[in-house]
Amino acid sequence: MTWARSEAETSRLIVLPEVGSTNDALAAIDADEADFTVVATTSQTAGRGRLGRVWVAPPGKTLAVSVLLRPVLPGGAPLPVERFGWFPLIAGLAMTRAVSSLVPSTGAPRVGLKWPNDVQVDGLKVSGLLAELLPGTGGGGGAVVLGAGLNLSIGADELPVPTATSLVLAGTTEPVADLADLALSRYLVELRQLVDGFLASGADVAASGIHSAIESRCTTIGSDVRVQLPGGADLLGVATGIDDTGRLLVRRGSDGAETAVAAGDVTHLRYE
């Protein structure tokens, strides 16, 4: 397998034959690496997702990738740490666009972003993302690692859960032998474009178009949802939008009050 397309989109591409976690591998070497350094593998043995979940990845049939960002604003000012919360959503939008380019259209939107960081095809999860701040990131300045897992050619009998899918199961017509490099390169192109626009605007999500673009792709908005909050309580209601800090807005069914959710496990009730 060659990675020529992807290598052209990075400061440095490090392809590992096997690794426990691409996020951990990139974090371990970040001190000497430039912005947009990428670690990738098709055999990740100890991947993780949000809330401590394990990302199951059969060797050779999935892509795991981590991208190092050292974001600065125009003029070289460090990005305030409170704006780092947009990066998981930006990465999700980039992956959504990349996946959309790889699966056939049916005339209706097939690919969407489930808040905050699952990419779905026809309501089934094809990709998950995990952003992790690196030590020393606080107050302003620092770095973040954006990790993503993408199911490439997993068959129906290999899916970890019945709510998952893969690019092959979604009907991609791209050659399986080229799929990892093609998917990664398209993701990196979209990610760089979105990150550059976000930073060029001074991290203004409205002026950059990031906010509206994410909302337009977010399948959670308008759905009846159950949010399992970090403390264990459940919030039931309708997702109405995303606020200017990236939090999900949920109108509670009990009293109609709107709650902004920064973290939680979201279930689209129509999929149950």
Protein backbone atom coordinates (compact mmCIF):
# COMPACT_ATOMS: atom_id res chain seq x y z
CA MET A 1 0.00 0.00 0.00
CA THR A 2 1.24 3.50 -0.83
CA TRP A 3 0.35 6.70 1.00
CA ALA A 4 1.39 9.23 -1.63
CA ARG A 5 -1.88 11.19 -1.60
CA SER A 6 -1.91 11.53 2.18
CA GLU A 7 1.78 12.35 2.53
CA ALA A 8 1.30 15.33 0.24
CA GLU A 9 -1.24 16.80 2.69
CA THR A 10 0.92 16.66 5.84
CA SER A 11 3.99 18.26 7.38
CA ARG A 12 5.14 14.71 8.08
CA LEU A 13 3.31 11.40 7.73
CA ILE A 14 4.31 8.56 10.04
CA VAL A 15 2.74 5.25 9.01
CA LEU A 16 3.06 2.47 11.58
CA PRO A 17 2.42 -1.20 10.73
CA GLU A 18 0.76 -1.64 14.14
CA VAL A 19 0.33 0.54 17.21
CA GLY A 20 -1.64 0.54 20.43
CA SER A 21 -3.02 4.05 19.96
CA THR A 22 -2.14 6.60 17.29
CA ASN A 23 -3.03 9.39 19.73
CA ASP A 24 -0.54 8.05 22.26
CA ALA A 25 2.12 7.53 19.60
CA LEU A 26 1.79 11.10 18.35
CA ALA A 27 1.66 12.59 21.84
CA ALA A 28 4.88 10.78 22.73
CA ILE A 29 6.83 12.51 19.96
CA ASP A 30 5.03 15.85 19.74
CA ALA A 31 7.83 18.00 21.20
CA ASP A 32 9.81 17.82 17.96
CA GLU A 33 6.95 17.69 15.48
CA ALA A 34 5.42 20.45 13.39
CA ASP A 35 1.80 21.43 13.07
CA PHE A 36 -0.13 18.92 10.94
CA THR A 37 2.16 15.99 11.65
CA VAL A 38 0.13 12.80 11.19
CA VAL A 39 0.40 9.26 12.56
CA ALA A 40 -1.64 6.59 10.77
CA THR A 41 -2.09 2.83 10.85
CA THR A 42 -4.45 0.15 9.62
CA SER A 43 -3.80 -1.95 12.73
CA GLN A 44 -4.58 -0.22 16.02
CA THR A 45 -4.73 -2.59 18.98
CA ALA A 46 -5.70 -0.30 21.88
CA GLY A 47 -7.73 2.52 20.40
CA ARG A 48 -10.14 4.40 22.60
CA GLY A 49 -13.11 6.63 22.16
CA ARG A 50 -15.03 9.05 24.30
CA LEU A 51 -16.02 8.08 27.84
CA GLY A 52 -13.29 5.43 27.96
CA ARG A 53 -14.81 3.20 25.30
CA VAL A 54 -12.64 0.81 23.30
CA TRP A 55 -12.50 1.24 19.52
CA VAL A 56 -12.55 -2.23 17.99
CA ALA A 57 -10.41 -2.32 14.84
CA PRO A 58 -9.79 -5.54 12.89
CA PRO A 59 -6.26 -5.41 11.40
CA GLY A 60 -6.10 -4.13 7.84
CA LYS A 61 -9.77 -3.19 7.62
CA THR A 62 -9.87 0.12 9.45
CA LEU A 63 -7.91 3.35 9.46
CA ALA A 64 -6.70 5.00 12.65
CA VAL A 65 -5.20 8.46 12.32
CA SER A 66 -4.05 11.23 14.63
CA VAL A 67 -3.26 14.79 13.58
CA LEU A 68 -1.18 17.22 15.62
CA LEU A 69 -2.41 20.83 15.64
CA ARG A 70 -0.50 23.78 17.07
CA PRO A 71 -3.12 26.48 16.45
CA VAL A 72 -2.25 30.17 16.38
CA LEU A 73 -4.32 33.18 15.39
CA PRO A 74 -3.35 35.73 12.71
CA GLY A 75 -0.27 37.60 13.86
CA GLY A 76 0.98 34.63 15.85
CA ALA A 77 -1.19 35.04 18.95
CA PRO A 78 -1.97 31.73 20.70
CA LEU A 79 -5.47 30.34 20.39
CA PRO A 80 -7.33 30.70 23.71
CA VAL A 81 -7.86 27.29 25.24
CA GLU A 82 -11.63 27.79 25.47
CA ARG A 83 -11.77 27.76 21.67
CA PHE A 84 -10.09 24.35 21.48
CA GLY A 85 -13.50 22.81 22.16
CA TRP A 86 -14.44 23.35 18.52
CA PHE A 87 -11.75 21.03 17.18
CA PRO A 88 -13.65 17.74 17.75
CA LEU A 89 -16.61 19.17 15.84
CA ILE A 90 -14.38 20.55 13.09
CA ALA A 91 -12.72 17.14 12.75
CA GLY A 92 -16.16 15.52 12.64
CA LEU A 93 -17.26 17.86 9.87
CA ALA A 94 -14.07 17.12 7.92
CA MET A 95 -14.61 13.37 8.24
CA THR A 96 -18.27 13.75 7.28
CA ARG A 97 -17.28 15.49 4.08
CA ALA A 98 -14.56 12.94 3.32
CA VAL A 99 -16.92 10.01 3.82
CA SER A 100 -19.58 11.71 1.70
CA SER A 101 -17.14 11.80 -1.19
CA LEU A 102 -16.50 8.05 -0.90
CA VAL A 103 -20.02 6.61 -0.76
CA PRO A 104 -22.60 6.75 -3.57
CA SER A 105 -25.40 9.26 -3.38
CA THR A 106 -29.00 8.12 -3.17
CA GLY A 107 -30.54 11.52 -3.75
CA ALA A 108 -30.96 12.20 -0.03
CA PRO A 109 -28.21 13.04 2.49
CA ARG A 110 -26.64 9.79 3.72
CA VAL A 111 -23.74 11.01 5.84
CA GLY A 112 -24.13 13.06 8.98
CA LEU A 113 -22.46 14.06 12.22
CA LYS A 114 -23.95 12.82 15.47
CA TRP A 115 -22.96 15.32 18.16
CA PRO A 116 -20.25 15.57 19.20
CA ASN A 117 -18.00 13.24 17.23
CA ASP A 118 -19.58 10.22 15.52
CA VAL A 119 -19.88 10.13 11.75
CA GLN A 120 -22.78 8.03 10.46
CA VAL A 121 -23.89 6.67 7.10
CA ASP A 122 -27.62 5.98 6.94
CA GLY A 123 -27.71 6.30 10.73
CA LEU A 124 -24.92 3.74 11.29
CA LYS A 125 -21.54 4.69 12.78
CA VAL A 126 -18.62 4.59 10.36
CA SER A 127 -16.18 6.81 12.23
CA GLY A 128 -15.47 8.09 15.72
CA LEU A 129 -13.22 10.96 16.78
CA LEU A 130 -11.36 11.83 19.97
CA ALA A 131 -9.52 15.11 20.66
CA GLU A 132 -6.96 15.28 23.44
CA LEU A 133 -5.14 18.36 24.71
CA LEU A 134 -1.44 17.85 25.19
CA PRO A 135 0.29 18.76 28.48
CA GLY A 136 0.98 22.45 28.82
CA THR A 137 -2.10 23.54 26.90
CA GLY A 138 -3.88 26.06 29.05
CA GLY A 139 -4.65 29.76 29.20
CA GLY A 140 -3.53 30.14 25.60
CA GLY A 141 -1.19 28.28 23.33
CA GLY A 142 -0.44 24.61 23.22
CA ALA A 143 -1.40 21.71 21.05
CA VAL A 144 -4.15 19.19 20.48
CA VAL A 145 -4.15 15.73 18.96
CA LEU A 146 -7.18 14.90 16.83
CA GLY A 147 -7.70 11.14 16.65
CA ALA A 148 -10.08 9.40 14.27
CA GLY A 149 -11.03 5.83 13.50
CA LEU A 150 -12.70 4.96 10.21
CA ASN A 151 -14.17 1.59 9.22
CA LEU A 152 -12.90 0.85 5.72
CA SER A 153 -13.70 -2.71 4.65
CA ILE A 154 -15.17 -4.46 7.71
CA GLY A 155 -17.77 -7.02 6.67
CA ALA A 156 -21.22 -7.36 8.18
CA ASP A 157 -20.14 -10.37 10.25
CA GLU A 158 -17.18 -8.42 11.74
CA LEU A 159 -18.99 -5.32 12.98
CA PRO A 160 -18.43 -4.68 16.70
CA VAL A 161 -22.05 -3.56 17.18
CA PRO A 162 -25.16 -3.72 14.95
CA THR A 163 -25.26 0.10 14.78
CA ALA A 164 -21.91 0.25 12.93
CA THR A 165 -21.01 0.11 9.25
CA SER A 166 -18.02 0.51 6.93
CA LEU A 167 -17.27 2.27 3.67
CA VAL A 168 -17.51 -1.04 1.83
CA LEU A 169 -20.86 -1.91 3.39
CA ALA A 170 -22.06 1.62 2.53
CA GLY A 171 -21.34 0.85 -1.12
CA THR A 172 -18.08 2.62 -1.92
CA THR A 173 -16.84 1.81 -5.41
CA GLU A 174 -13.23 2.76 -4.64
CA PRO A 175 -10.67 -0.08 -4.77
CA VAL A 176 -10.14 -1.54 -1.31
CA ALA A 177 -6.37 -1.51 -1.85
CA ASP A 178 -6.43 2.30 -2.23
CA LEU A 179 -9.13 3.05 0.31
CA ALA A 180 -6.95 3.91 3.32
CA ASP A 181 -4.80 6.44 1.46
CA LEU A 182 -7.75 7.89 -0.42
CA ALA A 183 -9.89 8.30 2.71
CA LEU A 184 -7.03 9.75 4.75
CA SER A 185 -6.01 12.24 2.08
CA ARG A 186 -9.56 13.50 1.64
CA TYR A 187 -10.01 13.85 5.39
CA LEU A 188 -6.75 15.79 5.70
CA VAL A 189 -7.67 18.15 2.85
CA GLU A 190 -11.02 18.94 4.47
CA LEU A 191 -9.52 19.23 7.95
CA ARG A 192 -6.78 21.66 6.90
CA GLN A 193 -9.24 23.83 4.98
CA LEU A 194 -11.62 24.03 7.96
CA VAL A 195 -8.89 24.63 10.55
CA ASP A 196 -7.25 27.31 8.39
CA GLY A 197 -10.58 29.09 7.94
CA PHE A 198 -11.38 28.86 11.65
CA LEU A 199 -8.02 30.37 12.65
CA ALA A 200 -7.99 33.01 9.90
CA SER A 201 -11.33 34.32 11.21
CA GLY A 202 -9.86 34.74 14.70
CA ALA A 203 -11.66 31.57 15.81
CA ASP A 204 -15.00 33.20 15.05
CA VAL A 205 -17.24 30.24 14.25
CA ALA A 206 -19.96 32.42 12.74
CA ALA A 207 -17.71 34.51 10.47
CA SER A 208 -15.77 31.43 9.32
CA GLY A 209 -18.95 29.53 8.48
CA ILE A 210 -17.92 26.71 10.80
CA HIS A 211 -20.99 26.98 13.02
CA SER A 212 -23.54 26.87 10.22
CA ALA A 213 -21.64 24.13 8.36
CA ILE A 214 -21.58 21.89 11.42
CA GLU A 215 -25.23 22.50 12.23
CA SER A 216 -26.21 21.68 8.65
CA ARG A 217 -24.48 18.28 8.92
CA CYS A 218 -25.49 17.49 12.50
CA THR A 219 -28.18 14.81 12.51
CA THR A 220 -28.68 15.27 16.25
CA ILE A 221 -30.37 18.64 15.75
CA GLY A 222 -34.12 18.18 15.55
CA SER A 223 -33.97 14.69 17.03
CA ASP A 224 -35.55 13.43 20.23
CA VAL A 225 -32.54 12.58 22.37
CA ARG A 226 -31.53 11.07 25.66
CA VAL A 227 -28.32 12.52 27.07
CA GLN A 228 -26.58 10.57 29.80
CA LEU A 229 -24.82 13.33 31.69
CA PRO A 230 -21.40 12.84 33.36
CA GLY A 231 -23.01 12.60 36.80
CA GLY A 232 -25.23 9.73 35.66
CA ALA A 233 -28.51 11.63 35.27
CA ASP A 234 -30.52 11.43 32.03
CA LEU A 235 -31.70 14.47 30.11
CA LEU A 236 -34.64 13.85 27.76
CA GLY A 237 -35.69 16.36 25.16
CA VAL A 238 -35.25 17.68 21.64
CA ALA A 239 -31.86 18.84 20.36
CA THR A 240 -32.40 22.35 19.02
CA GLY A 241 -28.93 23.52 18.00
CA ILE A 242 -25.30 24.10 18.93
CA ASP A 243 -24.28 27.20 20.87
CA ASP A 244 -21.26 29.41 20.16
CA THR A 245 -19.00 27.30 22.37
CA GLY A 246 -19.91 24.00 20.66
CA ARG A 247 -22.34 22.78 23.32
CA LEU A 248 -25.49 20.90 22.30
CA LEU A 249 -28.72 22.72 23.12
CA VAL A 250 -31.51 20.45 24.37
CA ARG A 251 -35.07 21.58 25.10
CA ARG A 252 -36.28 19.45 27.96
CA GLY A 253 -39.51 17.59 27.43
CA SER A 254 -40.56 17.97 31.06
CA ASP A 255 -40.77 21.78 31.21
CA GLY A 256 -39.53 23.16 27.88
CA ALA A 257 -36.42 24.71 29.41
CA GLU A 258 -33.29 24.71 27.26
CA THR A 259 -30.09 23.15 28.59
CA ALA A 260 -26.60 23.48 27.09
CA VAL A 261 -24.74 20.16 27.21
CA ALA A 262 -20.93 20.25 27.09
CA ALA A 263 -20.35 16.52 27.61
CA GLY A 264 -22.54 13.45 27.64
CA ASP A 265 -23.49 10.26 25.85
CA VAL A 266 -26.21 11.13 23.33
CA THR A 267 -28.72 8.62 21.98
CA HIS A 268 -31.01 9.46 19.08
CA LEU A 269 -34.24 7.93 20.34
CA ARG A 270 -35.58 7.31 16.83
CA TYR A 271 -32.76 4.83 16.26
CA GLU A 272 -33.67 2.67 19.26
